[in-house]
Amino acid sequence: QYFDWNCDSTDASGNNVPENVLVKNATSCTSQHINILMHDTDAKDTTVKALPKIIEYYREKGYTFKAITVDSYAPHHILKGGSVCMTGPPFSDSILFYLFSI
């Protein structure tokens, strides 16, 4: 099993992406199961600073955070006609920042 993301914080677009940009992008997702792409490197200080605001936002929306397991929701990026499409099981738990709505 592998896990892609269905929400991008855009922290990979450069080092020190402004915290408010990361929060805005990471909190723009509305899926039942949200897997947020974020990177853990020494160069991602603003990602670390944005994280509490992102967590607070989703908690206020009723999401919970869980660890990834083999049964977690797993969106996958699949190429179709040159475009990237998101697929994944319709129901189960979610990940990375493993979130799902109550």
Protein backbone atom coordinates (compact mmCIF):
# COMPACT_ATOMS: atom_id res chain seq x y z
CA GLN A 1 0.00 0.00 0.00
CA TYR A 2 1.14 3.53 -0.66
CA PHE A 3 -0.38 6.88 0.21
CA ASP A 4 -0.54 9.94 -2.00
CA TRP A 5 -2.11 13.24 -0.96
CA ASN A 6 -5.32 15.00 -1.89
CA CYS A 7 -4.40 18.37 -0.37
CA ASP A 8 -1.14 20.24 -0.97
CA SER A 9 0.29 22.77 1.46
CA THR A 10 2.63 23.87 -1.39
CA ASP A 11 5.61 23.92 0.96
CA ALA A 12 7.63 22.17 -1.75
CA SER A 13 7.41 25.27 -3.95
CA GLY A 14 10.40 26.74 -2.10
CA ASN A 15 12.05 27.27 1.24
CA ASN A 16 10.40 29.65 3.66
CA VAL A 17 7.06 29.78 1.84
CA PRO A 18 5.11 32.31 3.92
CA GLU A 19 3.25 30.71 6.80
CA ASN A 20 -0.05 32.32 5.80
CA VAL A 21 0.23 30.83 2.29
CA LEU A 22 0.80 27.35 3.71
CA VAL A 23 -2.15 27.70 6.09
CA LYS A 24 -4.41 28.97 3.30
CA ASN A 25 -3.49 26.12 0.95
CA ALA A 26 -3.58 23.38 3.57
CA THR A 27 -6.98 24.50 4.87
CA SER A 28 -8.64 24.81 1.45
CA CYS A 29 -9.54 21.12 1.27
CA THR A 30 -13.07 19.87 1.84
CA SER A 31 -12.92 16.11 1.28
CA GLN A 32 -14.21 13.72 3.90
CA HIS A 33 -10.72 12.22 4.12
CA ILE A 34 -7.84 14.66 3.80
CA ASN A 35 -4.21 13.73 3.29
CA ILE A 36 -2.08 16.90 3.37
CA LEU A 37 1.29 16.92 1.65
CA MET A 38 3.89 18.58 3.88
CA HIS A 39 7.65 18.11 4.06
CA ASP A 40 9.85 17.53 7.07
CA THR A 41 13.29 19.04 6.38
CA ASP A 42 15.52 21.58 8.07
CA ALA A 43 14.63 24.05 5.30
CA LYS A 44 10.90 24.02 6.09
CA ASP A 45 10.70 26.26 9.15
CA THR A 46 7.50 27.92 8.00
CA THR A 47 5.85 24.52 7.57
CA VAL A 48 6.46 23.84 11.25
CA LYS A 49 5.10 27.27 12.18
CA ALA A 50 1.95 26.76 10.05
CA LEU A 51 1.13 23.35 11.50
CA PRO A 52 -0.65 24.45 14.73
CA LYS A 53 -2.98 26.73 12.77
CA ILE A 54 -3.75 23.98 10.27
CA ILE A 55 -4.49 21.50 13.06
CA GLU A 56 -6.69 24.00 14.89
CA TYR A 57 -8.65 24.77 11.70
CA TYR A 58 -9.48 21.13 10.99
CA ARG A 59 -10.29 20.34 14.62
CA GLU A 60 -12.76 23.23 14.62
CA LYS A 61 -14.34 21.69 11.50
CA GLY A 62 -14.81 18.37 13.32
CA TYR A 63 -11.89 16.45 11.84
CA THR A 64 -9.81 14.07 13.91
CA PHE A 65 -6.19 13.07 13.46
CA LYS A 66 -5.06 9.47 13.32
CA ALA A 67 -1.95 7.52 12.45
CA ILE A 68 -1.61 5.86 9.06
CA THR A 69 -2.40 2.16 9.05
CA VAL A 70 -2.86 -0.41 6.28
CA ASP A 71 -6.60 0.27 6.50
CA SER A 72 -6.27 4.06 6.12
CA TYR A 73 -7.81 5.95 3.24
CA ALA A 74 -5.27 5.99 0.41
CA PRO A 75 -5.78 8.43 -2.43
CA HIS A 76 -3.65 7.64 -5.48
CA HIS A 77 -2.48 9.82 -8.33
CA ILE A 78 -3.16 8.07 -11.63
CA LEU A 79 -2.36 9.43 -15.07
CA LYS A 80 -5.34 9.53 -17.42
CA GLY A 81 -4.83 11.02 -20.86
CA GLY A 82 -1.84 13.02 -19.63
CA SER A 83 -3.69 14.43 -16.61
CA VAL A 84 -3.26 13.51 -12.97
CA CYS A 85 -6.49 12.31 -11.38
CA MET A 86 -7.15 11.51 -7.75
CA THR A 87 -8.64 8.15 -6.92
CA GLY A 88 -9.04 6.17 -3.75
CA PRO A 89 -11.41 4.01 -1.80
CA PRO A 90 -14.67 5.86 -1.22
CA PHE A 91 -14.91 5.04 2.47
CA SER A 92 -12.38 4.23 5.17
CA ASP A 93 -10.08 6.23 7.38
CA SER A 94 -7.60 8.86 6.24
CA ILE A 95 -3.92 9.83 6.71
CA LEU A 96 -0.73 11.76 6.75
CA PHE A 97 -1.95 14.41 8.62
CA TYR A 98 -4.52 11.66 8.87
CA LEU A 99 -7.84 13.52 8.99
CA PHE A 100 -11.42 12.54 8.68
CA SER A 101 -14.66 14.27 9.37
CA ILE A 102 -16.98 13.32 12.21
